[in-house]
Amino acid sequence: MELIHTLWSFFIDFFEFFMLMTLLFFGTLFVYDKYVQREHALLINYPIIGRMRYVFEALREPLRQYFADESFYASRDKIEWVYKAAKDVPNYQSFSVTQPFEGSRFIIKHSSSVLNEDEVSDDVSVIFGKDRENPFVSYSPIIRSAMSDGALSPEATRAFSIAGAVTNLTINTGEGSLTSNHLFTHKPDLKNCQYLEIIKSTMLSEIVFKVVDKIFNSALALKAYRTILLHEKTQNTYIYDKASHVLFRVNWDAPLEAFPKEVPNDIPNMIFQMSSGLYGVRDKDAKFDELRYQKVMKFCRMTEIKIAQGAKQTGGKLAGSKVSADIAYYRGVEEGKDLFSPNRFPYADTTANLLDFVQKLQDLSKKPVGFKIVISDAASVEEMAKEIAKRKNEGKSIPDFITVDSGEGGSATAPLELMESVGLTTNNALYVLDTILSKYGIREDIKIIASGKILTPDDIIITMAMGADAVGIGRGFMMSGGCIRARMCSGFGSHVCPVGMATQDPKRRASYLVVKKGLEIGHYHKNLIKNMKVLLSVMGIKHISQLDKKHLTFKNRSGEIYFDIDKYFHHKLHI
């Protein structure tokens, strides 16, 4: 009893002290809000309670998805499909969709004689640059859209590399260049690795690694391992190889002859994106470095020049908070400063100059080269197509592919005034590009990659039926990798990505589970392919190459049905 009495007395004393400190805190806050601060009129009139506004405002975006209707995609069910596909659990819906499709939309035509799924070809590959010395065979028509290491955390980039290596997912590096994290799955041959900087382990580092791994986890163990072996700010630019226990990164000073003759088969198939900043392929004067580019292309399958991107027809924007020592090393820029790329690609002041540069890259890499655009006007596409057709007739090299992005916003940092206000939506832009390239007789020579608001298998089938040879997906892969759509990716606000996926904040990054999320990204990719085959079987189609506009019907908002969607688009776009 005496013990209970003592504990009760202690509790009462603690409670009284707590209440006193609480009253003192709120009293001080009241005086500050009412009589001291002169930044917020709301707090002057409503001291203390007015601060709830800022709390709710901060929570609005992270919690929006849980309590509001889906306003960006056609249905909340599409979001749920992504998360279930990533977990690789049965993905079926009961009763009906959460938000019925009331607006205009495409409808997939089914066959009166459907196929069994085993009658649909497993080959979903796409060949880019078939006439190049080194064509690129993408084993999947699905490409993870351009997202840079830097915009993403190093851990997220590593997770995507795992998914790419395991499931043949093609990865676009984004404008942040090729980094060590893209080579996360690489297993170096220590007898033939002159192209790498190798840091060998020591007895001390091995002991520390094993002890920390045993007591805590492998992430902390690796951090300690790096700290012992490396004493530089860019120690995280080295990748740890479990088999040989070495740390490695690319030795860009090694001669070109030392680099692999073929792309290593233990890394994902990658598209190198070159932006106006020329990150990763520029010299000390920020000019294009031909030799560095050739070295980069020893690890990448083809090149995409970024002329414009969905919500960002300007140069790329990376907040200073994201320009870590590692990112500065990769891009050849100054650490900690906002990084805004030039608006115009330096070799694209005219269409002719752009195409000359495309040919230069093709000659240097011996691999396919294309470019990424956003379409706002059919006339500009026609001008581009005329120039390409002219070059073809003259026997000159032409682009191997064109990526067309929508103007519907994006997962990257972009000015609000450009989102949704510049550029056509995916299907409209795709129709314009496909039609005009066909008009000038160059469609068969140029593959089209389309991206923008593509999330589920039906989105892919519709986009490919509309004329795309492959699709780029950004948001879907972000969500499959753990993104909760908190919209805190930019790095310019006071908050950072809460799951450690789109931030350089060390604490948030440390929570990201690289291997687990890499496998889940792979599940999403595999389930996209699997369920594409289901749709193809229902359509009576044996191979993705047979997809065509004739397999689609269009219903507009007023209920009019277009069984021939060419008639709808000709009436709508006047081309």
Protein backbone atom coordinates (compact mmCIF):
# COMPACT_ATOMS: atom_id res chain seq x y z
CA MET A 1 0.00 0.00 0.00
CA GLU A 2 2.82 2.37 0.87
CA LEU A 3 4.35 1.81 -2.58
CA ILE A 4 1.04 2.53 -4.29
CA HIS A 5 0.63 5.70 -2.19
CA THR A 6 4.14 6.84 -3.15
CA LEU A 7 3.51 6.21 -6.85
CA TRP A 8 0.18 8.02 -6.67
CA SER A 9 1.81 11.04 -5.02
CA PHE A 10 4.51 11.05 -7.68
CA PHE A 11 1.85 10.93 -10.42
CA ILE A 12 -0.10 13.85 -8.87
CA ASP A 13 3.08 15.93 -8.54
CA PHE A 14 4.06 15.17 -12.12
CA PHE A 15 0.56 15.97 -13.40
CA GLU A 16 0.48 19.30 -11.54
CA PHE A 17 3.93 20.20 -12.90
CA PHE A 18 2.85 19.23 -16.42
CA MET A 19 -0.33 21.33 -16.21
CA LEU A 20 1.60 24.30 -14.82
CA MET A 21 4.15 24.14 -17.65
CA THR A 22 1.36 23.78 -20.21
CA LEU A 23 -0.45 26.86 -18.87
CA LEU A 24 2.82 28.78 -18.79
CA PHE A 25 3.58 27.78 -22.41
CA PHE A 26 0.16 28.77 -23.73
CA GLY A 27 0.18 31.97 -21.69
CA THR A 28 3.51 32.96 -23.20
CA LEU A 29 2.29 32.01 -26.67
CA PHE A 30 -0.87 34.10 -26.16
CA VAL A 31 1.17 37.19 -25.25
CA TYR A 32 3.54 36.63 -28.20
CA ASP A 33 0.75 36.14 -30.75
CA LYS A 34 -1.38 39.04 -29.46
CA TYR A 35 1.19 41.70 -28.60
CA VAL A 36 4.61 40.81 -30.05
CA GLN A 37 4.47 39.23 -33.53
CA ARG A 38 3.27 41.39 -36.42
CA GLU A 39 3.38 38.95 -39.32
CA HIS A 40 -0.06 37.30 -39.11
CA ALA A 41 -3.27 39.29 -38.52
CA LEU A 42 -5.10 36.03 -37.85
CA LEU A 43 -2.91 35.34 -34.79
CA ILE A 44 -3.43 38.86 -33.46
CA ASN A 45 -7.20 38.40 -33.54
CA TYR A 46 -7.19 34.73 -32.57
CA PRO A 47 -4.03 34.01 -30.57
CA ILE A 48 -3.18 30.33 -30.06
CA ILE A 49 -6.33 28.95 -31.68
CA GLY A 50 -5.44 30.65 -34.96
CA ARG A 51 -2.37 28.43 -35.17
CA MET A 52 -4.63 25.45 -35.83
CA ARG A 53 -5.05 26.83 -39.34
CA TYR A 54 -1.37 26.28 -40.06
CA VAL A 55 -1.47 22.80 -38.54
CA PHE A 56 -4.40 21.77 -40.74
CA GLU A 57 -2.80 23.40 -43.77
CA ALA A 58 0.38 21.36 -43.23
CA LEU A 59 -1.66 18.16 -42.90
CA ARG A 60 -3.96 18.86 -45.84
CA GLU A 61 -1.88 17.29 -48.61
CA PRO A 62 -0.58 14.21 -46.76
CA LEU A 63 -4.10 13.36 -45.53
CA ARG A 64 -6.04 14.45 -48.63
CA GLN A 65 -5.86 11.05 -50.29
CA TYR A 66 -7.48 9.33 -47.30
CA PHE A 67 -10.54 11.56 -46.92
CA ALA A 68 -11.27 13.06 -50.34
CA ASP A 69 -12.45 11.76 -53.71
CA GLU A 70 -9.76 11.10 -56.27
CA SER A 71 -9.53 14.29 -58.32
CA PHE A 72 -6.53 13.62 -60.56
CA TYR A 73 -7.22 10.15 -61.93
CA ALA A 74 -10.54 8.85 -63.22
CA SER A 75 -11.09 6.67 -60.17
CA ARG A 76 -9.64 6.02 -56.74
CA ASP A 77 -9.68 2.36 -57.74
CA LYS A 78 -6.79 2.99 -60.14
CA ILE A 79 -4.68 4.17 -57.22
CA GLU A 80 -5.65 1.09 -55.23
CA TRP A 81 -4.73 -1.11 -58.20
CA VAL A 82 -1.17 0.24 -58.16
CA TYR A 83 -0.69 -0.38 -54.42
CA LYS A 84 -2.13 -3.90 -54.64
CA ALA A 85 -0.06 -4.73 -57.71
CA ALA A 86 3.08 -3.62 -55.87
CA LYS A 87 2.20 -5.90 -52.96
CA ASP A 88 1.47 -8.68 -55.49
CA VAL A 89 -1.89 -9.53 -53.93
CA PRO A 90 -5.12 -10.48 -55.76
CA ASN A 91 -6.35 -7.38 -57.55
CA TYR A 92 -10.08 -7.73 -58.06
CA GLN A 93 -12.91 -5.25 -57.53
CA SER A 94 -16.35 -5.95 -56.11
CA PHE A 95 -19.72 -4.46 -57.06
CA SER A 96 -18.56 -1.40 -59.08
CA VAL A 97 -15.90 1.26 -59.31
CA THR A 98 -15.79 3.86 -56.53
CA GLN A 99 -16.12 6.79 -58.90
CA PRO A 100 -18.14 5.93 -62.06
CA PHE A 101 -16.65 7.12 -65.36
CA GLU A 102 -19.08 9.92 -66.19
CA GLY A 103 -16.92 12.05 -68.48
CA SER A 104 -15.46 11.43 -71.91
CA ARG A 105 -13.29 8.34 -72.22
CA PHE A 106 -11.93 5.63 -74.47
CA ILE A 107 -13.56 2.20 -74.45
CA ILE A 108 -11.62 -0.91 -75.42
CA LYS A 109 -13.42 -3.05 -78.00
CA HIS A 110 -13.62 -6.72 -77.09
CA SER A 111 -13.68 -9.59 -79.55
CA SER A 112 -16.64 -11.88 -80.14
CA SER A 113 -14.08 -14.69 -80.14
CA VAL A 114 -11.77 -14.05 -77.20
CA LEU A 115 -8.48 -15.86 -76.69
CA ASN A 116 -7.20 -17.85 -73.79
CA GLU A 117 -4.30 -16.12 -72.08
CA ASP A 118 -1.81 -18.81 -73.13
CA GLU A 119 -2.62 -17.93 -76.75
CA VAL A 120 -1.29 -14.40 -76.28
CA SER A 121 2.41 -13.99 -77.04
CA ASP A 122 4.79 -13.54 -74.11
CA ASP A 123 6.97 -11.39 -76.34
CA VAL A 124 6.26 -7.76 -75.48
CA SER A 125 9.62 -6.41 -76.61
CA VAL A 126 10.19 -3.21 -78.59
CA ILE A 127 13.21 -2.62 -80.84
CA PHE A 128 14.66 0.88 -81.04
CA GLY A 129 17.15 1.87 -83.74
CA LYS A 130 16.90 -1.34 -85.73
CA ASP A 131 19.46 -0.03 -88.25
CA ARG A 132 21.98 1.13 -85.65
CA GLU A 133 25.17 -0.77 -85.00
CA ASN A 134 23.84 -1.51 -81.50
CA PRO A 135 20.01 -1.51 -81.56
CA PHE A 136 18.21 -1.52 -78.24
CA VAL A 137 15.76 -4.31 -77.53
CA SER A 138 13.57 -3.25 -74.63
CA TYR A 139 12.06 -6.46 -73.29
CA SER A 140 9.09 -4.49 -72.00
CA PRO A 141 7.05 -1.74 -73.67
CA ILE A 142 6.94 -0.07 -70.26
CA ILE A 143 9.64 2.43 -69.34
CA ARG A 144 10.09 4.08 -65.99
CA SER A 145 9.89 7.73 -66.97
CA ALA A 146 12.78 10.12 -66.45
CA MET A 147 13.35 10.77 -62.74
CA SER A 148 16.77 11.94 -61.68
CA ASP A 149 18.96 10.69 -58.89
CA GLY A 150 18.86 13.90 -56.90
CA ALA A 151 15.17 14.55 -57.37
CA LEU A 152 14.85 11.00 -56.02
CA SER A 153 16.85 9.88 -53.02
CA PRO A 154 19.85 7.60 -53.69
CA GLU A 155 17.93 4.81 -51.96
CA ALA A 156 14.95 5.18 -54.31
CA THR A 157 17.26 5.13 -57.33
CA ARG A 158 18.79 1.90 -56.02
CA ALA A 159 15.33 0.38 -55.56
CA PHE A 160 14.46 1.17 -59.18
CA SER A 161 17.77 -0.37 -60.27
CA ILE A 162 16.84 -3.58 -58.45
CA ALA A 163 13.43 -3.65 -60.15
CA GLY A 164 15.04 -3.00 -63.53
CA ALA A 165 17.64 -5.74 -63.15
CA VAL A 166 15.13 -8.31 -61.83
CA THR A 167 12.15 -7.68 -64.14
CA ASN A 168 13.70 -6.24 -67.35
CA LEU A 169 12.17 -2.85 -66.64
CA THR A 170 13.80 -0.14 -68.73
CA ILE A 171 14.91 2.83 -66.63
CA ASN A 172 15.27 6.40 -67.88
CA THR A 173 18.05 8.02 -65.82
CA GLY A 174 16.48 11.48 -65.88
CA GLU A 175 18.55 14.57 -66.51
CA GLY A 176 20.60 14.08 -63.33
CA SER A 177 22.91 11.77 -65.31
CA LEU A 178 24.14 8.24 -64.72
CA THR A 179 25.15 7.77 -61.07
CA SER A 180 26.64 5.04 -58.90
CA ASN A 181 23.14 4.24 -57.65
CA HIS A 182 22.07 3.16 -61.14
CA LEU A 183 24.83 0.54 -60.92
CA PHE A 184 23.64 -0.78 -57.56
CA THR A 185 23.20 -4.34 -58.88
CA HIS A 186 26.56 -4.43 -60.67
CA LYS A 187 28.97 -7.18 -59.59
CA PRO A 188 32.46 -6.02 -60.58
CA ASP A 189 35.09 -8.46 -61.80
CA LEU A 190 38.08 -7.44 -59.68
CA LYS A 191 40.45 -8.89 -62.29
CA ASN A 192 39.08 -6.62 -65.00
CA CYS A 193 37.78 -3.42 -63.44
CA GLN A 194 40.08 -0.60 -64.53
CA TYR A 195 36.96 1.47 -65.24
CA LEU A 196 36.12 1.48 -61.52
CA GLU A 197 37.58 3.15 -58.45
CA ILE A 198 37.92 0.27 -55.99
CA ILE A 199 38.20 0.64 -52.20
CA LYS A 200 39.08 -2.66 -50.57
CA SER A 201 37.97 -3.62 -47.07
CA THR A 202 40.15 -3.81 -43.99
CA MET A 203 39.99 -6.07 -40.95
CA LEU A 204 38.64 -3.21 -38.84
CA SER A 205 35.91 -2.32 -41.34
CA GLU A 206 34.86 -5.97 -41.62
CA ILE A 207 34.59 -6.36 -37.82
CA VAL A 208 32.65 -3.12 -37.39
CA PHE A 209 30.30 -4.04 -40.24
CA LYS A 210 29.49 -7.46 -38.73
CA VAL A 211 28.99 -6.11 -35.21
CA VAL A 212 26.72 -3.22 -36.23
CA ASP A 213 24.79 -5.46 -38.63
CA LYS A 214 24.25 -8.02 -35.86
CA ILE A 215 23.10 -5.48 -33.25
CA PHE A 216 21.21 -3.04 -35.50
CA ASN A 217 20.75 -3.41 -39.28
CA SER A 218 22.70 -3.56 -42.55
CA ALA A 219 22.02 0.09 -43.45
CA LEU A 220 23.75 1.36 -40.30
CA ALA A 221 26.49 -1.23 -40.74
CA LEU A 222 27.18 -0.02 -44.27
CA LYS A 223 27.23 3.59 -43.12
CA ALA A 224 29.89 2.74 -40.52
CA TYR A 225 31.78 0.67 -43.11
CA ARG A 226 31.94 3.62 -45.52
CA THR A 227 32.98 6.02 -42.77
CA ILE A 228 35.95 3.83 -41.80
CA LEU A 229 37.17 3.31 -45.36
CA LEU A 230 36.44 6.75 -46.78
CA HIS A 231 37.06 10.21 -45.35
CA GLU A 232 35.38 12.33 -48.00
CA LYS A 233 32.01 14.04 -48.29
CA THR A 234 31.13 11.97 -51.34
CA GLN A 235 31.54 8.62 -49.61
CA ASN A 236 27.95 7.70 -50.52
CA THR A 237 28.86 7.76 -54.21
CA TYR A 238 30.49 4.37 -53.66
CA ILE A 239 28.43 1.18 -53.95
CA TYR A 240 29.08 -1.81 -51.67
CA ASP A 241 29.45 -5.21 -53.35
CA LYS A 242 28.40 -7.99 -50.98
CA ALA A 243 30.32 -10.67 -52.87
CA SER A 244 33.77 -9.05 -52.87
CA HIS A 245 33.28 -6.66 -49.91
CA VAL A 246 34.65 -3.72 -51.91
CA LEU A 247 33.29 -0.22 -52.43
CA PHE A 248 33.27 0.99 -56.02
CA ARG A 249 32.25 3.82 -58.30
CA VAL A 250 33.01 4.61 -61.94
CA ASN A 251 36.51 5.94 -62.60
CA TRP A 252 35.73 8.58 -65.21
CA ASP A 253 39.45 9.31 -65.63
CA ALA A 254 40.10 5.80 -66.94
CA PRO A 255 40.70 5.54 -70.72
CA LEU A 256 37.73 4.66 -72.91
CA GLU A 257 39.39 1.33 -73.80
CA ALA A 258 39.14 0.27 -70.14
CA PHE A 259 35.35 0.50 -70.11
CA PRO A 260 33.15 -2.56 -70.79
CA LYS A 261 32.78 -3.43 -74.47
CA GLU A 262 29.17 -4.43 -73.83
CA VAL A 263 26.68 -3.08 -71.31
CA PRO A 264 27.04 -5.25 -68.17
CA ASN A 265 24.16 -7.72 -68.00
CA ASP A 266 23.78 -7.32 -64.23
CA ILE A 267 22.49 -3.74 -64.42
CA PRO A 268 19.09 -2.57 -65.70
CA ASN A 269 18.55 -1.49 -69.29
CA MET A 270 18.91 2.28 -69.12
CA ILE A 271 18.09 5.24 -71.32
CA PHE A 272 20.50 8.10 -70.72
CA GLN A 273 18.66 11.42 -70.67
CA MET A 274 20.65 14.47 -71.69
CA SER A 275 19.24 17.82 -70.60
CA SER A 276 20.10 21.44 -71.30
CA GLY A 277 22.47 21.34 -68.32
CA LEU A 278 24.44 18.47 -69.94
CA TYR A 279 24.88 16.92 -66.49
CA GLY A 280 27.22 13.97 -66.41
CA VAL A 281 28.53 14.63 -69.94
CA ARG A 282 29.99 18.11 -69.67
CA ASP A 283 33.51 19.41 -69.14
CA LYS A 284 34.76 21.96 -66.62
CA ASP A 285 33.45 24.79 -68.81
CA ALA A 286 29.96 23.18 -68.92
CA LYS A 287 30.41 22.29 -72.60
CA PHE A 288 29.57 18.91 -74.11
CA ASP A 289 32.32 16.37 -73.46
CA GLU A 290 32.33 13.77 -76.26
CA LEU A 291 34.66 11.36 -74.47
CA ARG A 292 32.68 11.44 -71.22
CA TYR A 293 29.50 10.78 -73.20
CA GLN A 294 31.06 7.73 -74.84
CA LYS A 295 32.04 6.42 -71.41
CA VAL A 296 28.52 6.94 -70.04
CA MET A 297 27.06 5.07 -73.00
CA LYS A 298 29.07 2.01 -72.06
CA PHE A 299 26.38 1.53 -69.39
CA CYS A 300 23.29 2.80 -71.25
CA ARG A 301 21.32 1.43 -74.19
CA MET A 302 20.18 4.64 -75.88
CA THR A 303 20.02 8.42 -75.44
CA GLU A 304 17.05 10.74 -74.98
CA ILE A 305 17.59 14.48 -75.43
CA LYS A 306 15.16 16.40 -73.24
CA ILE A 307 13.73 19.31 -75.18
CA ALA A 308 10.62 19.61 -73.02
CA GLN A 309 8.82 17.66 -70.31
CA GLY A 310 5.21 17.53 -69.08
CA ALA A 311 4.92 20.33 -66.57
CA LYS A 312 8.36 21.71 -67.22
CA GLN A 313 8.95 23.17 -70.67
CA THR A 314 11.74 25.13 -69.01
CA GLY A 315 15.04 23.73 -67.78
CA GLY A 316 15.12 21.32 -64.85
CA LYS A 317 14.90 22.72 -61.33
CA LEU A 318 16.57 21.17 -58.30
CA ALA A 319 16.36 22.90 -54.92
CA GLY A 320 19.63 23.64 -53.16
CA SER A 321 18.49 21.40 -50.30
CA LYS A 322 18.68 18.49 -52.74
CA VAL A 323 22.08 19.38 -54.19
CA SER A 324 24.09 17.28 -51.76
CA ALA A 325 27.83 16.66 -52.07
CA ASP A 326 27.00 13.44 -53.90
CA ILE A 327 24.69 15.13 -56.40
CA ALA A 328 27.21 17.93 -56.92
CA TYR A 329 29.83 15.26 -57.70
CA TYR A 330 27.59 13.48 -60.22
CA ARG A 331 26.47 16.62 -62.01
CA GLY A 332 29.65 18.67 -61.79
CA VAL A 333 28.02 21.60 -59.99
CA GLU A 334 28.33 23.48 -56.70
CA GLU A 335 26.92 21.84 -53.57
CA GLY A 336 23.94 23.37 -51.74
CA LYS A 337 22.89 25.88 -54.40
CA ASP A 338 19.63 25.88 -56.39
CA LEU A 339 20.28 24.22 -59.72
CA PHE A 340 18.23 25.65 -62.60
CA SER A 341 19.10 24.33 -66.04
CA PRO A 342 18.95 26.61 -69.10
CA ASN A 343 15.52 26.68 -70.75
CA ARG A 344 16.83 25.78 -74.20
CA PHE A 345 18.93 22.77 -75.04
CA PRO A 346 22.26 24.26 -76.22
CA TYR A 347 22.29 22.40 -79.54
CA ALA A 348 18.61 22.86 -80.40
CA ASP A 349 18.29 26.52 -81.39
CA THR A 350 16.83 25.24 -84.68
CA THR A 351 15.32 21.91 -85.71
CA ALA A 352 18.15 21.35 -88.18
CA ASN A 353 20.78 21.87 -85.47
CA LEU A 354 18.96 19.50 -83.12
CA LEU A 355 18.89 16.79 -85.79
CA ASP A 356 22.58 17.36 -86.53
CA PHE A 357 23.32 16.84 -82.83
CA VAL A 358 21.19 13.70 -82.78
CA GLN A 359 23.31 12.30 -85.62
CA LYS A 360 26.49 13.27 -83.77
CA LEU A 361 25.37 11.29 -80.71
CA GLN A 362 24.42 8.33 -82.90
CA ASP A 363 27.90 8.36 -84.44
CA LEU A 364 29.60 8.64 -81.04
CA SER A 365 27.57 5.96 -79.26
CA LYS A 366 26.63 3.67 -82.16
CA LYS A 367 23.28 3.41 -80.36
CA PRO A 368 19.75 4.80 -80.81
CA VAL A 369 19.14 8.48 -80.08
CA GLY A 370 15.87 10.41 -79.86
CA PHE A 371 14.35 13.35 -78.07
CA LYS A 372 11.50 14.25 -75.74
CA ILE A 373 8.93 16.94 -76.55
CA VAL A 374 5.63 18.40 -75.45
CA ILE A 375 3.13 19.32 -78.18
CA SER A 376 1.03 22.48 -78.12
CA ASP A 377 0.64 23.10 -81.84
CA ALA A 378 0.33 20.82 -84.87
CA ALA A 379 2.18 23.34 -87.07
CA SER A 380 5.41 22.97 -85.06
CA VAL A 381 5.19 19.17 -85.34
CA GLU A 382 4.67 19.50 -89.09
CA GLU A 383 7.76 21.70 -89.39
CA MET A 384 9.79 19.12 -87.47
CA ALA A 385 8.44 16.24 -89.57
CA LYS A 386 9.28 18.06 -92.83
CA GLU A 387 12.88 18.53 -91.69
CA ILE A 388 13.19 14.87 -90.66
CA ALA A 389 11.70 13.69 -93.98
CA LYS A 390 14.10 15.95 -95.87
CA ARG A 391 17.07 14.44 -94.05
CA LYS A 392 15.82 10.94 -94.75
CA ASN A 393 15.58 11.69 -98.48
CA GLU A 394 19.12 13.09 -98.41
CA GLY A 395 20.39 9.86 -96.88
CA LYS A 396 21.20 11.45 -93.54
CA SER A 397 20.53 9.90 -90.15
CA ILE A 398 17.22 10.67 -88.44
CA PRO A 399 16.04 10.22 -84.82
CA ASP A 400 15.30 6.65 -83.75
CA PHE A 401 12.46 7.65 -81.44
CA ILE A 402 10.45 10.58 -80.14
CA THR A 403 9.05 10.71 -76.62
CA VAL A 404 5.88 12.77 -76.35
CA ASP A 405 4.88 13.91 -72.88
CA SER A 406 1.56 15.41 -71.83
CA GLY A 407 0.97 18.84 -70.35
CA GLU A 408 -0.84 17.40 -67.34
CA GLY A 409 1.61 18.16 -64.59
CA GLY A 410 4.19 15.77 -63.31
CA SER A 411 6.03 14.35 -60.36
CA ALA A 412 8.90 16.78 -60.79
CA THR A 413 9.42 20.32 -59.52
CA ALA A 414 7.72 22.74 -61.89
CA PRO A 415 6.17 26.23 -61.92
CA LEU A 416 2.44 26.12 -61.22
CA GLU A 417 1.74 28.46 -64.12
CA LEU A 418 3.06 25.82 -66.55
CA MET A 419 1.17 22.85 -65.13
CA GLU A 420 -1.96 22.05 -67.15
CA SER A 421 -1.59 25.32 -69.13
CA VAL A 422 1.11 24.38 -71.63
CA GLY A 423 0.90 21.32 -73.86
CA LEU A 424 -1.79 18.92 -75.03
CA THR A 425 -2.91 15.90 -73.02
CA THR A 426 -1.32 12.54 -73.81
CA ASN A 427 -3.82 11.11 -76.28
CA ASN A 428 -4.29 14.37 -78.18
CA ALA A 429 -0.52 14.93 -78.47
CA LEU A 430 0.04 11.30 -79.45
CA TYR A 431 -2.59 11.45 -82.18
CA VAL A 432 -1.06 14.63 -83.63
CA LEU A 433 2.46 13.17 -83.66
CA ASP A 434 1.44 9.77 -85.05
CA THR A 435 -0.71 11.33 -87.79
CA ILE A 436 1.88 13.86 -88.96
CA LEU A 437 4.81 11.42 -88.93
CA SER A 438 2.67 9.04 -91.05
CA LYS A 439 1.76 11.89 -93.41
CA TYR A 440 5.45 12.49 -94.19
CA GLY A 441 6.31 8.81 -94.55
CA ILE A 442 8.63 8.58 -91.54
CA ARG A 443 6.40 6.87 -88.96
CA GLU A 444 7.87 3.43 -89.65
CA ASP A 445 11.38 4.79 -89.03
CA ILE A 446 10.64 6.44 -85.69
CA LYS A 447 9.34 4.77 -82.55
CA ILE A 448 7.01 6.77 -80.30
CA ILE A 449 7.14 6.65 -76.51
CA ALA A 450 4.13 8.29 -74.85
CA SER A 451 3.82 9.34 -71.22
CA GLY A 452 1.41 11.17 -68.96
CA LYS A 453 -1.26 9.91 -66.55
CA ILE A 454 -0.64 6.25 -67.46
CA LEU A 455 -1.20 4.08 -64.43
CA THR A 456 -2.93 0.75 -65.07
CA PRO A 457 -2.91 -1.92 -67.83
CA ASP A 458 -5.94 -0.45 -69.60
CA ASP A 459 -4.16 2.92 -69.79
CA ILE A 460 -1.22 1.21 -71.49
CA ILE A 461 -3.39 -0.70 -73.97
CA ILE A 462 -5.31 2.46 -74.91
CA THR A 463 -2.11 4.48 -75.35
CA MET A 464 -0.47 1.82 -77.51
CA ALA A 465 -3.64 1.40 -79.58
CA MET A 466 -3.52 5.17 -80.12
CA GLY A 467 -0.13 4.76 -81.80
CA ALA A 468 2.55 4.54 -79.11
CA ASP A 469 5.19 1.83 -79.44
CA ALA A 470 6.06 2.09 -75.74
CA VAL A 471 4.86 4.03 -72.71
CA GLY A 472 6.59 5.93 -69.95
CA ILE A 473 5.20 5.75 -66.42
CA GLY A 474 6.30 8.03 -63.59
CA ARG A 475 3.67 8.35 -60.87
CA GLY A 476 2.68 4.69 -60.95
CA PHE A 477 6.24 3.59 -60.31
CA MET A 478 6.63 6.22 -57.60
CA MET A 479 3.55 4.88 -55.82
CA SER A 480 4.67 1.27 -56.24
CA GLY A 481 7.91 2.28 -54.56
CA GLY A 482 6.17 3.72 -51.50
CA CYS A 483 5.15 7.25 -52.51
CA ILE A 484 2.04 8.37 -50.58
CA ARG A 485 1.46 11.43 -52.81
CA ALA A 486 2.10 13.92 -50.02
CA ARG A 487 3.24 16.43 -52.69
CA MET A 488 6.38 17.39 -50.79
CA CYS A 489 8.84 16.36 -53.49
CA SER A 490 10.23 19.71 -54.60
CA GLY A 491 12.60 20.47 -51.75
CA PHE A 492 11.60 24.14 -51.80
CA GLY A 493 9.07 23.95 -48.95
CA SER A 494 9.49 23.53 -45.21
CA HIS A 495 8.57 19.82 -45.39
CA VAL A 496 10.28 16.93 -47.14
CA CYS A 497 9.10 13.62 -48.54
CA PRO A 498 7.79 11.70 -45.50
CA VAL A 499 8.83 8.29 -46.84
CA GLY A 500 12.38 9.19 -47.85
CA MET A 501 11.78 8.61 -51.56
CA ALA A 502 12.08 12.11 -53.03
CA THR A 503 14.45 13.86 -50.65
CA GLN A 504 18.12 14.11 -49.79
CA ASP A 505 17.36 14.48 -46.08
CA PRO A 506 19.56 11.84 -44.37
CA LYS A 507 17.02 10.96 -41.65
CA ARG A 508 14.15 10.44 -44.07
CA ARG A 509 16.37 8.54 -46.51
CA ALA A 510 17.53 6.17 -43.79
CA SER A 511 13.97 4.89 -43.39
CA TYR A 512 13.62 3.84 -47.02
CA LEU A 513 13.76 0.05 -47.41
CA VAL A 514 15.69 -0.35 -50.64
CA VAL A 515 15.44 -4.09 -51.32
CA LYS A 516 11.81 -4.43 -50.19
CA LYS A 517 10.67 -1.48 -52.30
CA GLY A 518 12.76 -2.62 -55.25
CA LEU A 519 10.91 -5.92 -55.26
CA GLU A 520 7.54 -4.16 -54.95
CA ILE A 521 8.34 -1.91 -57.91
CA GLY A 522 9.14 -5.09 -59.81
CA HIS A 523 5.80 -6.62 -58.77
CA TYR A 524 3.98 -3.59 -60.19
CA HIS A 525 5.84 -3.91 -63.48
CA LYS A 526 5.17 -7.67 -63.76
CA ASN A 527 1.47 -7.20 -62.95
CA LEU A 528 1.18 -4.49 -65.60
CA ILE A 529 2.51 -6.94 -68.20
CA LYS A 530 0.41 -9.81 -66.88
CA ASN A 531 -2.84 -7.84 -67.00
CA MET A 532 -2.02 -6.34 -70.39
CA LYS A 533 -2.11 -9.92 -71.66
CA VAL A 534 -5.54 -10.37 -70.07
CA LEU A 535 -6.83 -7.35 -72.00
CA LEU A 536 -5.21 -8.53 -75.22
CA SER A 537 -6.91 -11.90 -74.87
CA VAL A 538 -10.30 -10.23 -74.40
CA MET A 539 -9.59 -8.12 -77.50
CA GLY A 540 -8.69 -11.25 -79.49
CA ILE A 541 -5.14 -9.98 -80.13
CA LYS A 542 -2.13 -12.28 -79.97
CA HIS A 543 0.65 -9.67 -79.99
CA ILE A 544 0.99 -6.03 -78.93
CA SER A 545 2.12 -5.11 -82.47
CA GLN A 546 -1.45 -5.72 -83.64
CA LEU A 547 -2.88 -2.93 -81.48
CA ASP A 548 -4.48 -0.21 -83.56
CA LYS A 549 -6.94 2.69 -83.31
CA LYS A 550 -9.65 0.42 -84.71
CA HIS A 551 -9.64 -1.38 -81.34
CA LEU A 552 -10.96 1.71 -79.55
CA THR A 553 -14.30 3.45 -79.22
CA PHE A 554 -14.68 6.97 -77.87
CA LYS A 555 -17.57 8.34 -75.80
CA ASN A 556 -17.72 12.09 -75.20
CA ARG A 557 -19.30 13.91 -72.26
CA SER A 558 -22.62 14.36 -74.04
CA GLY A 559 -22.89 10.62 -74.66
CA GLU A 560 -22.00 10.60 -78.37
CA ILE A 561 -20.23 7.42 -79.46
CA TYR A 562 -17.44 7.31 -82.06
CA PHE A 563 -16.68 3.79 -83.24
CA ASP A 564 -14.16 5.31 -85.66
CA ILE A 565 -11.97 7.48 -83.47
CA ASP A 566 -10.24 9.04 -86.50
CA LYS A 567 -13.50 10.87 -87.21
CA TYR A 568 -13.60 12.15 -83.63
CA PHE A 569 -10.02 13.44 -83.70
CA HIS A 570 -10.30 14.99 -87.18
CA HIS A 571 -13.35 16.89 -86.02
CA LYS A 572 -11.70 17.82 -82.73
CA LEU A 573 -8.17 18.71 -83.81
CA HIS A 574 -8.79 19.93 -87.38
CA ILE A 575 -5.68 18.24 -88.80
